[in-house]
Amino acid sequence: MRACLWCGRPIVVPVTLADIWHWGPLPTPIICRACRQRLQPIGSAKCPQCGRQQATVQRCHDCERWDDAFVNHAIFPYDAALKAYMQQYKFQGDYQLRLVMQPLIREALAREHYDVLVPIPITAATWRTRGFNQVTGWLTGQPFQQVLTVSAASKPRDQSSKTRQERLQTPQPFSLVAGAATVLAGKRVLLLDDVYTTGRTLRHAAAQISLGGAQAVTGLTLAR
């Protein structure tokens, strides 16, 4: 019996008569039913610009303050379940949990219109301590381009530990790698990140991508 990748409890799969007649081994889910039910995607009532779950379909207060045209789509609200997932995956380094979100990211990417997928990079200090980029961990089998790098002068402090005001005042941490313009020129670029909080990180990345000659830049995040 397989254990749930997320909570560790045994996965109990009910067997139907159709399953008995099925030829070959039956697929076993990687997370239990209870954990699957914890993941509730954002519904139709959301901000049309950042994807934030809300009671209306009007532009949210945060996007009104940004007063720009950058658009982000999000899959899940950043609720207790997503915070628990990110804590275990990103901050405790449970790399196996990348498998939970891989099919969901794949489905979300299939709904987007883009030519080049660009994951948000992490600092060298984070690489040394965590050992992986939580965003590229979701992209097995998905083509992407690493055209952004985090400047050496950037502080290694994680965005999650900053206040809203500190995040908004963060200086530009990204730069384009050599040859990036060849990849980006005239292309529709989709930025992929884990959590949209203030939108500062994505907008910094979008600014650099635009300098590389991209035709358009949009965002996709696991959570908002």
C-alpha atoms as a PDB file:
ATOM      1  CA  MET A   1       0.000   0.000   0.000  1.00  0.00           C
ATOM      2  CA  ARG A   2       1.377   3.396  -1.027  1.00  0.00           C
ATOM      3  CA  ALA A   3       1.659   6.265   1.445  1.00  0.00           C
ATOM      4  CA  CYS A   4       0.479   9.767   0.579  1.00  0.00           C
ATOM      5  CA  LEU A   5       3.424  11.932  -0.507  1.00  0.00           C
ATOM      6  CA  TRP A   6       1.992  14.898   1.345  1.00  0.00           C
ATOM      7  CA  CYS A   7       0.651  13.642   4.684  1.00  0.00           C
ATOM      8  CA  GLY A   8       2.180  10.166   4.822  1.00  0.00           C
ATOM      9  CA  ARG A   9      -1.107   8.362   5.507  1.00  0.00           C
ATOM     10  CA  PRO A  10      -1.858   5.116   3.599  1.00  0.00           C
ATOM     11  CA  ILE A  11      -3.740   5.630   0.340  1.00  0.00           C
ATOM     12  CA  VAL A  12      -6.888   3.535   0.231  1.00  0.00           C
ATOM     13  CA  VAL A  13      -8.257   3.115  -3.297  1.00  0.00           C
ATOM     14  CA  PRO A  14     -11.780   1.621  -3.578  1.00  0.00           C
ATOM     15  CA  VAL A  15     -11.947  -1.156  -6.185  1.00  0.00           C
ATOM     16  CA  THR A  16     -15.014  -1.304  -8.446  1.00  0.00           C
ATOM     17  CA  LEU A  17     -16.251  -4.126 -10.669  1.00  0.00           C
ATOM     18  CA  ALA A  18     -14.903  -2.227 -13.697  1.00  0.00           C
ATOM     19  CA  ASP A  19     -11.497  -2.129 -12.023  1.00  0.00           C
ATOM     20  CA  ILE A  20     -11.558  -5.899 -11.551  1.00  0.00           C
ATOM     21  CA  TRP A  21     -12.081  -6.384 -15.292  1.00  0.00           C
ATOM     22  CA  HIS A  22      -9.433  -3.788 -16.132  1.00  0.00           C
ATOM     23  CA  TRP A  23      -6.461  -5.269 -17.975  1.00  0.00           C
ATOM     24  CA  GLY A  24      -3.175  -4.467 -16.284  1.00  0.00           C
ATOM     25  CA  PRO A  25      -2.216  -2.686 -13.053  1.00  0.00           C
ATOM     26  CA  LEU A  26      -4.434   0.144 -11.863  1.00  0.00           C
ATOM     27  CA  PRO A  27      -2.849   3.578 -11.425  1.00  0.00           C
ATOM     28  CA  THR A  28      -2.380   4.543  -7.781  1.00  0.00           C
ATOM     29  CA  PRO A  29      -2.699   8.221  -6.837  1.00  0.00           C
ATOM     30  CA  ILE A  30       0.315   9.814  -5.184  1.00  0.00           C
ATOM     31  CA  ILE A  31      -1.705  11.728  -2.590  1.00  0.00           C
ATOM     32  CA  CYS A  32      -4.695  10.642  -0.562  1.00  0.00           C
ATOM     33  CA  ARG A  33      -8.264  11.784  -1.044  1.00  0.00           C
ATOM     34  CA  ALA A  34      -8.134  14.075   1.980  1.00  0.00           C
ATOM     35  CA  CYS A  35      -5.092  15.910   0.612  1.00  0.00           C
ATOM     36  CA  ARG A  36      -6.663  16.200  -2.848  1.00  0.00           C
ATOM     37  CA  GLN A  37      -9.712  17.809  -1.259  1.00  0.00           C
ATOM     38  CA  ARG A  38      -7.476  20.373   0.449  1.00  0.00           C
ATOM     39  CA  LEU A  39      -6.539  21.753  -2.978  1.00  0.00           C
ATOM     40  CA  GLN A  40      -9.417  23.982  -4.039  1.00  0.00           C
ATOM     41  CA  PRO A  41      -8.649  26.007  -7.195  1.00  0.00           C
ATOM     42  CA  ILE A  42      -9.573  29.641  -7.605  1.00  0.00           C
ATOM     43  CA  GLY A  43     -13.083  29.952  -9.053  1.00  0.00           C
ATOM     44  CA  SER A  44     -14.560  32.352 -11.577  1.00  0.00           C
ATOM     45  CA  ALA A  45     -14.883  35.202  -9.053  1.00  0.00           C
ATOM     46  CA  LYS A  46     -11.382  36.659  -9.169  1.00  0.00           C
ATOM     47  CA  CYS A  47      -9.405  39.725 -10.097  1.00  0.00           C
ATOM     48  CA  PRO A  48      -9.011  39.717 -13.891  1.00  0.00           C
ATOM     49  CA  GLN A  49      -5.503  41.166 -13.636  1.00  0.00           C
ATOM     50  CA  CYS A  50      -3.712  39.235 -10.863  1.00  0.00           C
ATOM     51  CA  GLY A  51      -6.004  36.213 -10.404  1.00  0.00           C
ATOM     52  CA  ARG A  52      -6.782  36.908  -6.753  1.00  0.00           C
ATOM     53  CA  GLN A  53      -9.836  35.057  -5.402  1.00  0.00           C
ATOM     54  CA  GLN A  54     -12.510  37.510  -4.325  1.00  0.00           C
ATOM     55  CA  ALA A  55     -16.253  38.110  -4.336  1.00  0.00           C
ATOM     56  CA  THR A  56     -16.295  40.117  -7.582  1.00  0.00           C
ATOM     57  CA  VAL A  57     -14.706  40.089 -11.026  1.00  0.00           C
ATOM     58  CA  GLN A  58     -13.500  43.683 -10.736  1.00  0.00           C
ATOM     59  CA  ARG A  59      -9.849  44.672 -10.608  1.00  0.00           C
ATOM     60  CA  CYS A  60      -8.662  44.349  -7.000  1.00  0.00           C
ATOM     61  CA  HIS A  61      -7.319  47.167  -4.843  1.00  0.00           C
ATOM     62  CA  ASP A  62      -3.702  45.998  -5.257  1.00  0.00           C
ATOM     63  CA  CYS A  63      -3.965  46.083  -9.056  1.00  0.00           C
ATOM     64  CA  GLU A  64      -5.621  49.497  -8.936  1.00  0.00           C
ATOM     65  CA  ARG A  65      -2.566  50.751  -7.051  1.00  0.00           C
ATOM     66  CA  TRP A  66      -0.184  49.212  -9.585  1.00  0.00           C
ATOM     67  CA  ASP A  67      -2.156  50.862 -12.391  1.00  0.00           C
ATOM     68  CA  ASP A  68      -0.409  48.946 -15.181  1.00  0.00           C
ATOM     69  CA  ALA A  69      -1.308  46.279 -17.735  1.00  0.00           C
ATOM     70  CA  PHE A  70       0.637  43.294 -16.352  1.00  0.00           C
ATOM     71  CA  VAL A  71      -1.602  40.208 -16.113  1.00  0.00           C
ATOM     72  CA  ASN A  72      -1.067  37.151 -13.936  1.00  0.00           C
ATOM     73  CA  HIS A  73      -3.111  33.961 -13.711  1.00  0.00           C
ATOM     74  CA  ALA A  74      -3.106  31.842 -10.549  1.00  0.00           C
ATOM     75  CA  ILE A  75      -4.256  28.281  -9.867  1.00  0.00           C
ATOM     76  CA  PHE A  76      -4.934  28.248  -6.120  1.00  0.00           C
ATOM     77  CA  PRO A  77      -5.635  30.813  -3.412  1.00  0.00           C
ATOM     78  CA  TYR A  78      -2.754  31.122  -0.962  1.00  0.00           C
ATOM     79  CA  ASP A  79      -4.785  29.572   1.835  1.00  0.00           C
ATOM     80  CA  ALA A  80      -3.819  27.311   4.744  1.00  0.00           C
ATOM     81  CA  ALA A  81      -3.442  24.268   2.485  1.00  0.00           C
ATOM     82  CA  LEU A  82      -1.091  26.018   0.042  1.00  0.00           C
ATOM     83  CA  LYS A  83       0.911  27.554   2.881  1.00  0.00           C
ATOM     84  CA  ALA A  84       1.354  24.078   4.389  1.00  0.00           C
ATOM     85  CA  TYR A  85       2.391  22.691   0.997  1.00  0.00           C
ATOM     86  CA  MET A  86       4.932  25.462   0.367  1.00  0.00           C
ATOM     87  CA  GLN A  87       6.327  25.136   3.886  1.00  0.00           C
ATOM     88  CA  GLN A  88       6.968  21.417   3.418  1.00  0.00           C
ATOM     89  CA  TYR A  89       8.133  21.603  -0.206  1.00  0.00           C
ATOM     90  CA  LYS A  90      10.020  24.871  -0.432  1.00  0.00           C
ATOM     91  CA  PHE A  91      11.248  25.604   3.087  1.00  0.00           C
ATOM     92  CA  GLN A  92      11.675  22.095   4.507  1.00  0.00           C
ATOM     93  CA  GLY A  93      13.089  20.808   1.218  1.00  0.00           C
ATOM     94  CA  ASP A  94      10.695  17.903   0.602  1.00  0.00           C
ATOM     95  CA  TYR A  95      11.547  17.644  -3.091  1.00  0.00           C
ATOM     96  CA  GLN A  96       9.191  14.701  -3.664  1.00  0.00           C
ATOM     97  CA  LEU A  97       6.273  17.104  -3.238  1.00  0.00           C
ATOM     98  CA  ARG A  98       7.070  18.587  -6.645  1.00  0.00           C
ATOM     99  CA  LEU A  99       5.202  15.578  -8.050  1.00  0.00           C
ATOM    100  CA  VAL A 100       1.940  16.736  -6.437  1.00  0.00           C
ATOM    101  CA  MET A 101       1.801  19.934  -8.475  1.00  0.00           C
ATOM    102  CA  GLN A 102       3.424  18.791 -11.729  1.00  0.00           C
ATOM    103  CA  PRO A 103       0.195  17.642 -13.431  1.00  0.00           C
ATOM    104  CA  LEU A 104      -1.688  20.716 -12.206  1.00  0.00           C
ATOM    105  CA  ILE A 105       1.003  23.045 -13.540  1.00  0.00           C
ATOM    106  CA  ARG A 106       0.965  21.130 -16.833  1.00  0.00           C
ATOM    107  CA  GLU A 107      -2.805  21.614 -17.152  1.00  0.00           C
ATOM    108  CA  ALA A 108      -2.522  25.322 -16.338  1.00  0.00           C
ATOM    109  CA  LEU A 109       0.247  25.806 -18.900  1.00  0.00           C
ATOM    110  CA  ALA A 110      -1.938  24.166 -21.557  1.00  0.00           C
ATOM    111  CA  ARG A 111      -4.489  26.948 -21.024  1.00  0.00           C
ATOM    112  CA  GLU A 112      -1.942  29.732 -21.537  1.00  0.00           C
ATOM    113  CA  HIS A 113      -0.888  31.308 -24.823  1.00  0.00           C
ATOM    114  CA  TYR A 114       2.861  31.805 -25.002  1.00  0.00           C
ATOM    115  CA  ASP A 115       5.965  31.056 -27.030  1.00  0.00           C
ATOM    116  CA  VAL A 116       8.608  30.966 -24.288  1.00  0.00           C
ATOM    117  CA  LEU A 117       8.238  29.797 -20.695  1.00  0.00           C
ATOM    118  CA  VAL A 118      10.587  31.461 -18.204  1.00  0.00           C
ATOM    119  CA  PRO A 119      10.723  30.271 -14.571  1.00  0.00           C
ATOM    120  CA  ILE A 120      11.711  32.785 -11.908  1.00  0.00           C
ATOM    121  CA  PRO A 121      15.269  31.958 -10.773  1.00  0.00           C
ATOM    122  CA  ILE A 122      16.548  31.713  -7.205  1.00  0.00           C
ATOM    123  CA  THR A 123      19.704  33.148  -5.672  1.00  0.00           C
ATOM    124  CA  ALA A 124      22.977  31.249  -5.464  1.00  0.00           C
ATOM    125  CA  ALA A 125      22.658  31.311  -1.672  1.00  0.00           C
ATOM    126  CA  THR A 126      19.269  29.607  -1.900  1.00  0.00           C
ATOM    127  CA  TRP A 127      20.720  26.972  -4.236  1.00  0.00           C
ATOM    128  CA  ARG A 128      23.394  26.204  -1.664  1.00  0.00           C
ATOM    129  CA  THR A 129      20.943  25.856   1.231  1.00  0.00           C
ATOM    130  CA  ARG A 130      17.875  24.325  -0.477  1.00  0.00           C
ATOM    131  CA  GLY A 131      19.483  22.501  -3.372  1.00  0.00           C
ATOM    132  CA  PHE A 132      16.702  23.085  -5.896  1.00  0.00           C
ATOM    133  CA  ASN A 133      14.522  25.701  -7.532  1.00  0.00           C
ATOM    134  CA  GLN A 134      10.950  25.056  -6.393  1.00  0.00           C
ATOM    135  CA  VAL A 135       9.552  26.408  -9.680  1.00  0.00           C
ATOM    136  CA  THR A 136      11.641  24.343 -12.111  1.00  0.00           C
ATOM    137  CA  GLY A 137      10.896  21.322  -9.926  1.00  0.00           C
ATOM    138  CA  TRP A 138       7.352  21.439 -11.306  1.00  0.00           C
ATOM    139  CA  LEU A 139       8.480  21.515 -14.947  1.00  0.00           C
ATOM    140  CA  THR A 140       9.581  17.950 -15.690  1.00  0.00           C
ATOM    141  CA  GLY A 141       8.827  17.353 -19.365  1.00  0.00           C
ATOM    142  CA  GLN A 142       8.010  21.020 -19.991  1.00  0.00           C
ATOM    143  CA  PRO A 143      10.363  23.057 -22.198  1.00  0.00           C
ATOM    144  CA  PHE A 144      11.528  26.312 -20.635  1.00  0.00           C
ATOM    145  CA  GLN A 145      14.257  28.909 -20.988  1.00  0.00           C
ATOM    146  CA  GLN A 146      16.483  30.136 -18.155  1.00  0.00           C
ATOM    147  CA  VAL A 147      17.125  33.607 -19.520  1.00  0.00           C
ATOM    148  CA  LEU A 148      17.037  35.392 -16.159  1.00  0.00           C
ATOM    149  CA  THR A 149      19.654  35.376 -13.457  1.00  0.00           C
ATOM    150  CA  VAL A 150      19.619  36.897  -9.982  1.00  0.00           C
ATOM    151  CA  SER A 151      22.223  39.607  -9.608  1.00  0.00           C
ATOM    152  CA  ALA A 152      25.104  38.778  -7.293  1.00  0.00           C
ATOM    153  CA  ALA A 153      24.382  41.938  -5.300  1.00  0.00           C
ATOM    154  CA  SER A 154      20.842  40.769  -4.462  1.00  0.00           C
ATOM    155  CA  LYS A 155      20.205  39.995  -0.833  1.00  0.00           C
ATOM    156  CA  PRO A 156      19.610  36.271  -0.239  1.00  0.00           C
ATOM    157  CA  ARG A 157      16.766  36.944   2.198  1.00  0.00           C
ATOM    158  CA  ASP A 158      13.623  35.157   1.006  1.00  0.00           C
ATOM    159  CA  GLN A 159      10.658  37.231  -0.117  1.00  0.00           C
ATOM    160  CA  SER A 160       8.356  35.391   2.299  1.00  0.00           C
ATOM    161  CA  SER A 161      10.182  36.899   5.278  1.00  0.00           C
ATOM    162  CA  LYS A 162       9.720  40.493   4.079  1.00  0.00           C
ATOM    163  CA  THR A 163       6.917  42.901   4.886  1.00  0.00           C
ATOM    164  CA  ARG A 164       4.719  44.188   2.065  1.00  0.00           C
ATOM    165  CA  GLN A 165       6.506  47.534   2.083  1.00  0.00           C
ATOM    166  CA  GLU A 166       9.916  45.844   1.938  1.00  0.00           C
ATOM    167  CA  ARG A 167       8.814  43.763  -1.041  1.00  0.00           C
ATOM    168  CA  LEU A 168       7.527  46.786  -2.922  1.00  0.00           C
ATOM    169  CA  GLN A 169      10.820  48.604  -2.356  1.00  0.00           C
ATOM    170  CA  THR A 170      12.987  45.681  -3.477  1.00  0.00           C
ATOM    171  CA  PRO A 171      15.478  46.907  -6.111  1.00  0.00           C
ATOM    172  CA  GLN A 172      15.676  45.129  -9.475  1.00  0.00           C
ATOM    173  CA  PRO A 173      17.313  41.754  -8.693  1.00  0.00           C
ATOM    174  CA  PHE A 174      17.252  40.240 -12.188  1.00  0.00           C
ATOM    175  CA  SER A 175      19.380  40.552 -15.268  1.00  0.00           C
ATOM    176  CA  LEU A 176      19.324  38.822 -18.654  1.00  0.00           C
ATOM    177  CA  VAL A 177      21.829  36.099 -19.460  1.00  0.00           C
ATOM    178  CA  ALA A 178      24.037  36.412 -22.520  1.00  0.00           C
ATOM    179  CA  GLY A 179      22.104  35.676 -25.695  1.00  0.00           C
ATOM    180  CA  ALA A 180      18.692  36.155 -24.048  1.00  0.00           C
ATOM    181  CA  ALA A 181      17.543  38.592 -26.737  1.00  0.00           C
ATOM    182  CA  THR A 182      17.894  35.864 -29.352  1.00  0.00           C
ATOM    183  CA  VAL A 183      15.388  33.748 -27.408  1.00  0.00           C
ATOM    184  CA  LEU A 184      13.006  36.543 -26.435  1.00  0.00           C
ATOM    185  CA  ALA A 185      12.822  38.909 -29.413  1.00  0.00           C
ATOM    186  CA  GLY A 186       9.269  39.173 -30.714  1.00  0.00           C
ATOM    187  CA  LYS A 187       8.017  36.319 -28.506  1.00  0.00           C
ATOM    188  CA  ARG A 188       5.111  36.006 -26.080  1.00  0.00           C
ATOM    189  CA  VAL A 189       6.744  35.165 -22.759  1.00  0.00           C
ATOM    190  CA  LEU A 190       5.088  33.485 -19.787  1.00  0.00           C
ATOM    191  CA  LEU A 191       6.768  33.912 -16.388  1.00  0.00           C
ATOM    192  CA  LEU A 192       6.209  31.103 -13.888  1.00  0.00           C
ATOM    193  CA  ASP A 193       6.527  31.624 -10.131  1.00  0.00           C
ATOM    194  CA  ASP A 194       5.252  29.988  -6.971  1.00  0.00           C
ATOM    195  CA  VAL A 195       3.268  32.681  -5.126  1.00  0.00           C
ATOM    196  CA  TYR A 196       2.047  36.101  -6.242  1.00  0.00           C
ATOM    197  CA  THR A 197       2.010  38.301  -3.125  1.00  0.00           C
ATOM    198  CA  THR A 198       2.552  41.927  -4.070  1.00  0.00           C
ATOM    199  CA  GLY A 199       3.500  41.319  -7.711  1.00  0.00           C
ATOM    200  CA  ARG A 200       6.838  43.082  -7.303  1.00  0.00           C
ATOM    201  CA  THR A 201       8.996  40.074  -8.243  1.00  0.00           C
ATOM    202  CA  LEU A 202       7.044  39.289 -11.411  1.00  0.00           C
ATOM    203  CA  ARG A 203       7.065  42.915 -12.506  1.00  0.00           C
ATOM    204  CA  HIS A 204      10.826  43.139 -12.002  1.00  0.00           C
ATOM    205  CA  ALA A 205      11.217  40.006 -14.140  1.00  0.00           C
ATOM    206  CA  ALA A 206       8.783  41.291 -16.761  1.00  0.00           C
ATOM    207  CA  ALA A 207      10.722  44.547 -17.061  1.00  0.00           C
ATOM    208  CA  GLN A 208      13.932  42.684 -17.888  1.00  0.00           C
ATOM    209  CA  ILE A 209      12.166  40.325 -20.292  1.00  0.00           C
ATOM    210  CA  SER A 210      10.736  43.356 -22.102  1.00  0.00           C
ATOM    211  CA  LEU A 211      14.238  44.791 -22.415  1.00  0.00           C
ATOM    212  CA  GLY A 212      15.131  41.571 -24.219  1.00  0.00           C
ATOM    213  CA  GLY A 213      12.639  42.447 -26.931  1.00  0.00           C
ATOM    214  CA  ALA A 214       9.671  40.284 -25.953  1.00  0.00           C
ATOM    215  CA  GLN A 215       6.390  41.085 -27.685  1.00  0.00           C
ATOM    216  CA  ALA A 216       4.340  40.469 -24.519  1.00  0.00           C
ATOM    217  CA  VAL A 217       4.947  39.235 -20.963  1.00  0.00           C
ATOM    218  CA  THR A 218       2.366  37.611 -18.690  1.00  0.00           C
ATOM    219  CA  GLY A 219       2.566  35.592 -15.486  1.00  0.00           C
ATOM    220  CA  LEU A 220       1.352  32.295 -14.069  1.00  0.00           C
ATOM    221  CA  THR A 221       1.665  31.426 -10.387  1.00  0.00           C
ATOM    222  CA  LEU A 222       0.712  28.379  -8.381  1.00  0.00           C
ATOM    223  CA  ALA A 223      -0.967  30.592  -5.798  1.00  0.00           C
ATOM    224  CA  ARG A 224      -2.262  34.109  -5.271  1.00  0.00           C
END
